[in-house]
PDB file of N, CA and C in Angstrom:
ATOM      1  N   MET A   1      22.195  43.281  -0.508  1.00  0.00           N
ATOM      2  CA  MET A   1      22.555  41.935  -0.886  1.00  0.00           C
ATOM      3  C   MET A   1      22.534  41.752  -2.400  1.00  0.00           C
ATOM      4  N   ASP A   2      21.732  42.537  -3.090  1.00  0.00           N
ATOM      5  CA  ASP A   2      21.686  42.422  -4.543  1.00  0.00           C
ATOM      6  C   ASP A   2      23.032  42.764  -5.180  1.00  0.00           C
ATOM      7  N   GLU A   3      23.732  43.730  -4.581  1.00  0.00           N
ATOM      8  CA  GLU A   3      25.021  44.129  -5.146  1.00  0.00           C
ATOM      9  C   GLU A   3      26.023  42.970  -5.080  1.00  0.00           C
ATOM     10  N   ILE A   4      26.024  42.262  -3.977  1.00  0.00           N
ATOM     11  CA  ILE A   4      26.946  41.132  -3.832  1.00  0.00           C
ATOM     12  C   ILE A   4      26.600  40.034  -4.829  1.00  0.00           C
ATOM     13  N   LYS A   5      25.310  39.759  -5.015  1.00  0.00           N
ATOM     14  CA  LYS A   5      24.904  38.741  -5.987  1.00  0.00           C
ATOM     15  C   LYS A   5      25.253  39.167  -7.406  1.00  0.00           C
ATOM     16  N   ASN A   6      25.106  40.458  -7.696  1.00  0.00           N
ATOM     17  CA  ASN A   6      25.479  40.954  -9.020  1.00  0.00           C
ATOM     18  C   ASN A   6      26.980  40.800  -9.268  1.00  0.00           C
ATOM     19  N   LEU A   7      27.794  41.110  -8.254  1.00  0.00           N
ATOM     20  CA  LEU A   7      29.236  40.946  -8.401  1.00  0.00           C
ATOM     21  C   LEU A   7      29.610  39.480  -8.559  1.00  0.00           C
ATOM     22  N   GLU A   8      28.947  38.596  -7.809  1.00  0.00           N
ATOM     23  CA  GLU A   8      29.228  37.165  -7.932  1.00  0.00           C
ATOM     24  C   GLU A   8      28.846  36.643  -9.311  1.00  0.00           C
ATOM     25  N   SER A   9      27.787  37.173  -9.894  1.00  0.00           N
ATOM     26  CA  SER A   9      27.394  36.731 -11.232  1.00  0.00           C
ATOM     27  C   SER A   9      28.422  37.166 -12.283  1.00  0.00           C
ATOM     28  N   LEU A  10      29.181  38.230 -11.985  1.00  0.00           N
ATOM     29  CA  LEU A  10      30.236  38.679 -12.888  1.00  0.00           C
ATOM     30  C   LEU A  10      31.546  37.939 -12.658  1.00  0.00           C
ATOM     31  N   GLY A  11      31.568  37.082 -11.642  1.00  0.00           N
ATOM     32  CA  GLY A  11      32.771  36.324 -11.351  1.00  0.00           C
ATOM     33  C   GLY A  11      33.655  36.967 -10.297  1.00  0.00           C
ATOM     34  N   LEU A  12      33.193  38.025  -9.655  1.00  0.00           N
ATOM     35  CA  LEU A  12      33.967  38.709  -8.624  1.00  0.00           C
ATOM     36  C   LEU A  12      33.483  38.253  -7.252  1.00  0.00           C
ATOM     37  N   VAL A  13      34.389  37.704  -6.467  1.00  0.00           N
ATOM     38  CA  VAL A  13      34.043  37.273  -5.118  1.00  0.00           C
ATOM     39  C   VAL A  13      35.040  37.881  -4.136  1.00  0.00           C
ATOM     40  N   LEU A  14      34.585  38.100  -2.923  1.00  0.00           N
ATOM     41  CA  LEU A  14      35.450  38.646  -1.894  1.00  0.00           C
ATOM     42  C   LEU A  14      36.384  37.553  -1.375  1.00  0.00           C
ATOM     43  N   PRO A  15      37.617  37.915  -1.047  1.00  0.00           N
ATOM     44  CA  PRO A  15      38.533  36.907  -0.513  1.00  0.00           C
ATOM     45  C   PRO A  15      38.134  36.514   0.907  1.00  0.00           C
ATOM     46  N   SER A  16      38.554  35.324   1.309  1.00  0.00           N
ATOM     47  CA  SER A  16      38.247  34.846   2.649  1.00  0.00           C
ATOM     48  C   SER A  16      39.125  35.583   3.662  1.00  0.00           C
ATOM     49  N   PRO A  17      38.712  35.600   4.921  1.00  0.00           N
ATOM     50  CA  PRO A  17      39.546  36.238   5.949  1.00  0.00           C
ATOM     51  C   PRO A  17      40.926  35.589   6.067  1.00  0.00           C
ATOM     52  N   PHE A  18      41.015  34.281   5.842  1.00  0.00           N
ATOM     53  CA  PHE A  18      42.289  33.571   5.893  1.00  0.00           C
ATOM     54  C   PHE A  18      43.226  34.064   4.786  1.00  0.00           C
ATOM     55  N   TYR A  19      42.671  34.378   3.625  1.00  0.00           N
ATOM     56  CA  TYR A  19      43.449  34.919   2.519  1.00  0.00           C
ATOM     57  C   TYR A  19      43.969  36.313   2.870  1.00  0.00           C
ATOM     58  N   ILE A  20      43.116  37.137   3.445  1.00  0.00           N
ATOM     59  CA  ILE A  20      43.504  38.502   3.789  1.00  0.00           C
ATOM     60  C   ILE A  20      44.605  38.494   4.844  1.00  0.00           C
ATOM     61  N   VAL A  21      44.471  37.633   5.851  1.00  0.00           N
ATOM     62  CA  VAL A  21      45.498  37.519   6.885  1.00  0.00           C
ATOM     63  C   VAL A  21      46.828  37.093   6.264  1.00  0.00           C
ATOM     64  N   GLY A  22      46.792  36.130   5.362  1.00  0.00           N
ATOM     65  CA  GLY A  22      48.013  35.674   4.697  1.00  0.00           C
ATOM     66  C   GLY A  22      48.651  36.774   3.864  1.00  0.00           C
ATOM     67  N   ALA A  23      47.840  37.515   3.120  1.00  0.00           N
ATOM     68  CA  ALA A  23      48.373  38.588   2.279  1.00  0.00           C
ATOM     69  C   ALA A  23      49.032  39.671   3.129  1.00  0.00           C
ATOM     70  N   VAL A  24      48.404  40.028   4.235  1.00  0.00           N
ATOM     71  CA  VAL A  24      48.985  41.047   5.114  1.00  0.00           C
ATOM     72  C   VAL A  24      50.261  40.526   5.776  1.00  0.00           C
ATOM     73  N   LEU A  25      50.219  39.297   6.260  1.00  0.00           N
ATOM     74  CA  LEU A  25      51.382  38.707   6.930  1.00  0.00           C
ATOM     75  C   LEU A  25      52.580  38.624   5.991  1.00  0.00           C
ATOM     76  N   PHE A  26      52.381  38.098   4.795  1.00  0.00           N
ATOM     77  CA  PHE A  26      53.485  37.966   3.853  1.00  0.00           C
ATOM     78  C   PHE A  26      53.939  39.328   3.333  1.00  0.00           C
ATOM     79  N   GLY A  27      53.035  40.286   3.270  1.00  0.00           N
ATOM     80  CA  GLY A  27      53.425  41.644   2.897  1.00  0.00           C
ATOM     81  C   GLY A  27      54.340  42.279   3.931  1.00  0.00           C
ATOM     82  N   ILE A  28      54.027  42.075   5.215  1.00  0.00           N
ATOM     83  CA  ILE A  28      54.871  42.613   6.285  1.00  0.00           C
ATOM     84  C   ILE A  28      56.235  41.939   6.285  1.00  0.00           C
ATOM     85  N   ILE A  29      56.253  40.629   6.144  1.00  0.00           N
ATOM     86  CA  ILE A  29      57.528  39.904   6.090  1.00  0.00           C
ATOM     87  C   ILE A  29      58.342  40.354   4.878  1.00  0.00           C
ATOM     88  N   GLY A  30      57.672  40.556   3.753  1.00  0.00           N
ATOM     89  CA  GLY A  30      58.350  41.032   2.553  1.00  0.00           C
ATOM     90  C   GLY A  30      58.931  42.422   2.733  1.00  0.00           C
ATOM     91  N   TYR A  31      58.204  43.282   3.423  1.00  0.00           N
ATOM     92  CA  TYR A  31      58.702  44.633   3.671  1.00  0.00           C
ATOM     93  C   TYR A  31      59.948  44.595   4.553  1.00  0.00           C
ATOM     94  N   ILE A  32      59.923  43.740   5.575  1.00  0.00           N
ATOM     95  CA  ILE A  32      61.091  43.597   6.452  1.00  0.00           C
ATOM     96  C   ILE A  32      62.294  43.079   5.659  1.00  0.00           C
ATOM     97  N   ALA A  33      62.064  42.090   4.807  1.00  0.00           N
ATOM     98  CA  ALA A  33      63.161  41.547   3.993  1.00  0.00           C
ATOM     99  C   ALA A  33      63.670  42.592   3.008  1.00  0.00           C
ATOM    100  N   PHE A  34      62.780  43.359   2.421  1.00  0.00           N
ATOM    101  CA  PHE A  34      63.174  44.408   1.484  1.00  0.00           C
ATOM    102  C   PHE A  34      64.054  45.446   2.177  1.00  0.00           C
ATOM    103  N   ARG A  35      63.643  45.883   3.361  1.00  0.00           N
ATOM    104  CA  ARG A  35      64.422  46.871   4.109  1.00  0.00           C
ATOM    105  C   ARG A  35      65.797  46.309   4.483  1.00  0.00           C
ATOM    106  N   ARG A  36      65.832  45.057   4.926  1.00  0.00           N
ATOM    107  CA  ARG A  36      67.108  44.430   5.303  1.00  0.00           C
ATOM    108  C   ARG A  36      68.016  44.282   4.072  1.00  0.00           C
ATOM    109  N   GLY A  37      67.420  43.911   2.949  1.00  0.00           N
ATOM    110  CA  GLY A  37      68.199  43.769   1.726  1.00  0.00           C
ATOM    111  C   GLY A  37      68.769  45.087   1.247  1.00  0.00           C
ATOM    112  N   ARG A  38      68.006  46.163   1.373  1.00  0.00           N
ATOM    113  CA  ARG A  38      68.512  47.475   0.971  1.00  0.00           C
ATOM    114  C   ARG A  38      69.610  47.949   1.911  1.00  0.00           C
ATOM    115  N   LYS A  39      69.448  47.664   3.211  1.00  0.00           N
ATOM    116  CA  LYS A  39      70.434  48.102   4.200  1.00  0.00           C
ATOM    117  C   LYS A  39      71.757  47.363   4.034  1.00  0.00           C
ATOM    118  N   THR A  40      71.691  46.057   3.736  1.00  0.00           N
ATOM    119  CA  THR A  40      72.906  45.256   3.604  1.00  0.00           C
ATOM    120  C   THR A  40      73.364  45.116   2.161  1.00  0.00           C
ATOM    121  N   THR A  41      72.713  45.787   1.241  1.00  0.00           N
ATOM    122  CA  THR A  41      72.974  45.710  -0.205  1.00  0.00           C
ATOM    123  C   THR A  41      72.986  44.264  -0.691  1.00  0.00           C
ATOM    124  N   SER A  42      71.984  43.511  -0.260  1.00  0.00           N
ATOM    125  CA  SER A  42      71.831  42.119  -0.697  1.00  0.00           C
ATOM    126  C   SER A  42      70.669  42.031  -1.688  1.00  0.00           C
ATOM    127  N   PRO A  43      70.971  41.834  -2.964  1.00  0.00           N
ATOM    128  CA  PRO A  43      69.886  41.783  -3.943  1.00  0.00           C
ATOM    129  C   PRO A  43      68.949  40.579  -3.750  1.00  0.00           C
ATOM    130  N   VAL A  44      69.461  39.484  -3.188  1.00  0.00           N
ATOM    131  CA  VAL A  44      68.614  38.312  -2.974  1.00  0.00           C
ATOM    132  C   VAL A  44      67.516  38.639  -1.965  1.00  0.00           C
ATOM    133  N   LEU A  45      67.886  39.270  -0.862  1.00  0.00           N
ATOM    134  CA  LEU A  45      66.889  39.652   0.139  1.00  0.00           C
ATOM    135  C   LEU A  45      65.936  40.711  -0.406  1.00  0.00           C
ATOM    136  N   THR A  46      66.481  41.666  -1.136  1.00  0.00           N
ATOM    137  CA  THR A  46      65.649  42.741  -1.680  1.00  0.00           C
ATOM    138  C   THR A  46      64.585  42.192  -2.618  1.00  0.00           C
ATOM    139  N   TRP A  47      64.978  41.356  -3.565  1.00  0.00           N
ATOM    140  CA  TRP A  47      64.018  40.857  -4.552  1.00  0.00           C
ATOM    141  C   TRP A  47      63.074  39.810  -3.977  1.00  0.00           C
ATOM    142  N   THR A  48      63.534  39.056  -2.983  1.00  0.00           N
ATOM    143  CA  THR A  48      62.623  38.130  -2.315  1.00  0.00           C
ATOM    144  C   THR A  48      61.577  38.913  -1.537  1.00  0.00           C
ATOM    145  N   GLY A  49      61.983  40.005  -0.920  1.00  0.00           N
ATOM    146  CA  GLY A  49      61.038  40.875  -0.228  1.00  0.00           C
ATOM    147  C   GLY A  49      60.018  41.474  -1.179  1.00  0.00           C
ATOM    148  N   VAL A  50      60.469  41.901  -2.335  1.00  0.00           N
ATOM    149  CA  VAL A  50      59.543  42.441  -3.343  1.00  0.00           C
ATOM    150  C   VAL A  50      58.558  41.362  -3.790  1.00  0.00           C
ATOM    151  N   ALA A  51      59.061  40.161  -3.998  1.00  0.00           N
ATOM    152  CA  ALA A  51      58.188  39.055  -4.405  1.00  0.00           C
ATOM    153  C   ALA A  51      57.147  38.759  -3.325  1.00  0.00           C
ATOM    154  N   LEU A  52      57.566  38.758  -2.062  1.00  0.00           N
ATOM    155  CA  LEU A  52      56.625  38.491  -0.973  1.00  0.00           C
ATOM    156  C   LEU A  52      55.566  39.585  -0.870  1.00  0.00           C
ATOM    157  N   MET A  53      55.943  40.807  -1.160  1.00  0.00           N
ATOM    158  CA  MET A  53      54.971  41.902  -1.059  1.00  0.00           C
ATOM    159  C   MET A  53      53.948  41.889  -2.184  1.00  0.00           C
ATOM    160  N   PHE A  54      54.357  41.466  -3.383  1.00  0.00           N
ATOM    161  CA  PHE A  54      53.474  41.641  -4.533  1.00  0.00           C
ATOM    162  C   PHE A  54      52.835  40.375  -5.091  1.00  0.00           C
ATOM    163  N   TYR A  55      53.309  39.185  -4.718  1.00  0.00           N
ATOM    164  CA  TYR A  55      52.722  37.990  -5.304  1.00  0.00           C
ATOM    165  C   TYR A  55      51.262  37.753  -4.898  1.00  0.00           C
ATOM    166  N   PRO A  56      50.784  38.225  -3.744  1.00  0.00           N
ATOM    167  CA  PRO A  56      49.358  38.002  -3.442  1.00  0.00           C
ATOM    168  C   PRO A  56      48.403  38.624  -4.467  1.00  0.00           C
ATOM    169  N   TYR A  57      48.872  39.617  -5.208  1.00  0.00           N
ATOM    170  CA  TYR A  57      48.030  40.218  -6.239  1.00  0.00           C
ATOM    171  C   TYR A  57      47.847  39.285  -7.437  1.00  0.00           C
ATOM    172  N   ALA A  58      48.743  38.332  -7.612  1.00  0.00           N
ATOM    173  CA  ALA A  58      48.697  37.423  -8.757  1.00  0.00           C
ATOM    174  C   ALA A  58      48.072  36.078  -8.418  1.00  0.00           C
ATOM    175  N   VAL A  59      47.879  35.796  -7.137  1.00  0.00           N
ATOM    176  CA  VAL A  59      47.370  34.491  -6.700  1.00  0.00           C
ATOM    177  C   VAL A  59      45.953  34.674  -6.177  1.00  0.00           C
ATOM    178  N   SER A  60      45.034  33.837  -6.630  1.00  0.00           N
ATOM    179  CA  SER A  60      43.642  33.998  -6.198  1.00  0.00           C
ATOM    180  C   SER A  60      43.168  32.923  -5.229  1.00  0.00           C
ATOM    181  N   GLN A  61      43.864  31.812  -5.144  1.00  0.00           N
ATOM    182  CA  GLN A  61      43.441  30.740  -4.241  1.00  0.00           C
ATOM    183  C   GLN A  61      44.196  30.836  -2.920  1.00  0.00           C
ATOM    184  N   THR A  62      43.474  30.609  -1.832  1.00  0.00           N
ATOM    185  CA  THR A  62      44.059  30.743  -0.501  1.00  0.00           C
ATOM    186  C   THR A  62      45.172  29.727  -0.271  1.00  0.00           C
ATOM    187  N   TRP A  63      44.944  28.474  -0.645  1.00  0.00           N
ATOM    188  CA  TRP A  63      45.957  27.441  -0.401  1.00  0.00           C
ATOM    189  C   TRP A  63      47.237  27.746  -1.163  1.00  0.00           C
ATOM    190  N   LEU A  64      47.115  28.292  -2.368  1.00  0.00           N
ATOM    191  CA  LEU A  64      48.282  28.627  -3.167  1.00  0.00           C
ATOM    192  C   LEU A  64      49.019  29.830  -2.571  1.00  0.00           C
ATOM    193  N   LEU A  65      48.279  30.782  -2.046  1.00  0.00           N
ATOM    194  CA  LEU A  65      48.886  31.930  -1.378  1.00  0.00           C
ATOM    195  C   LEU A  65      49.775  31.474  -0.228  1.00  0.00           C
ATOM    196  N   TRP A  66      49.245  30.573   0.613  1.00  0.00           N
ATOM    197  CA  TRP A  66      50.000  30.100   1.767  1.00  0.00           C
ATOM    198  C   TRP A  66      51.167  29.202   1.346  1.00  0.00           C
ATOM    199  N   LEU A  67      50.993  28.411   0.306  1.00  0.00           N
ATOM    200  CA  LEU A  67      52.062  27.528  -0.159  1.00  0.00           C
ATOM    201  C   LEU A  67      53.243  28.332  -0.717  1.00  0.00           C
ATOM    202  N   VAL A  68      52.955  29.271  -1.586  1.00  0.00           N
ATOM    203  CA  VAL A  68      54.013  30.100  -2.178  1.00  0.00           C
ATOM    204  C   VAL A  68      54.656  30.971  -1.103  1.00  0.00           C
ATOM    205  N   GLY A  69      53.847  31.530  -0.211  1.00  0.00           N
ATOM    206  CA  GLY A  69      54.378  32.363   0.863  1.00  0.00           C
ATOM    207  C   GLY A  69      55.294  31.594   1.791  1.00  0.00           C
ATOM    208  N   ALA A  70      54.908  30.377   2.137  1.00  0.00           N
ATOM    209  CA  ALA A  70      55.760  29.553   2.997  1.00  0.00           C
ATOM    210  C   ALA A  70      57.069  29.208   2.283  1.00  0.00           C
ATOM    211  N   GLY A  71      56.990  28.914   0.989  1.00  0.00           N
ATOM    212  CA  GLY A  71      58.203  28.620   0.222  1.00  0.00           C
ATOM    213  C   GLY A  71      59.138  29.812   0.148  1.00  0.00           C
ATOM    214  N   LEU A  72      58.586  30.989  -0.119  1.00  0.00           N
ATOM    215  CA  LEU A  72      59.425  32.191  -0.176  1.00  0.00           C
ATOM    216  C   LEU A  72      59.999  32.541   1.193  1.00  0.00           C
ATOM    217  N   CYS A  73      59.229  32.337   2.245  1.00  0.00           N
ATOM    218  CA  CYS A  73      59.741  32.596   3.597  1.00  0.00           C
ATOM    219  C   CYS A  73      60.837  31.600   3.965  1.00  0.00           C
ATOM    220  N   GLY A  74      60.691  30.349   3.547  1.00  0.00           N
ATOM    221  CA  GLY A  74      61.743  29.362   3.776  1.00  0.00           C
ATOM    222  C   GLY A  74      63.022  29.744   3.052  1.00  0.00           C
ATOM    223  N   PHE A  75      62.903  30.184   1.812  1.00  0.00           N
ATOM    224  CA  PHE A  75      64.057  30.644   1.054  1.00  0.00           C
ATOM    225  C   PHE A  75      64.697  31.855   1.726  1.00  0.00           C
ATOM    226  N   LEU A  76      63.863  32.739   2.213  1.00  0.00           N
ATOM    227  CA  LEU A  76      64.347  33.929   2.909  1.00  0.00           C
ATOM    228  C   LEU A  76      65.088  33.548   4.194  1.00  0.00           C
ATOM    229  N   TYR A  77      64.585  32.568   4.896  1.00  0.00           N
ATOM    230  CA  TYR A  77      65.219  32.109   6.128  1.00  0.00           C
ATOM    231  C   TYR A  77      66.614  31.552   5.852  1.00  0.00           C
ATOM    232  N   VAL A  78      66.751  30.825   4.759  1.00  0.00           N
ATOM    233  CA  VAL A  78      68.056  30.252   4.400  1.00  0.00           C
ATOM    234  C   VAL A  78      69.035  31.348   3.979  1.00  0.00           C
ATOM    235  N   LYS A  79      68.567  32.357   3.284  1.00  0.00           N
ATOM    236  CA  LYS A  79      69.447  33.404   2.740  1.00  0.00           C
ATOM    237  C   LYS A  79      69.614  34.613   3.652  1.00  0.00           C
ATOM    238  N   TRP A  80      69.026  34.617   4.827  1.00  0.00           N
ATOM    239  CA  TRP A  80      69.002  35.817   5.682  1.00  0.00           C
ATOM    240  C   TRP A  80      70.402  36.291   6.052  1.00  0.00           C
ATOM    241  N   GLU A  81      71.307  35.428   6.407  1.00  0.00           N
ATOM    242  CA  GLU A  81      72.654  35.848   6.852  1.00  0.00           C
ATOM    243  C   GLU A  81      73.605  35.975   5.720  1.00  0.00           C
TER     244      GLU A  81
END
């Protein structure tokens, strides 16, 4: 337990399970969009997929992760065809 307290004193905290589920979910959706974009030579799908896969590394708050992910998935839904 001392190790966890030491990390928390340095400002490092473990993400919540809800954050981890969101990061994995949006990563999988991003991978699917990336593959579809490469197959159909659609740069919009390809780059949206890349954004979905990598943006969780830049976002630290759970609510923001889900908000941005939902927005990117909505954009992906509109541009899918």
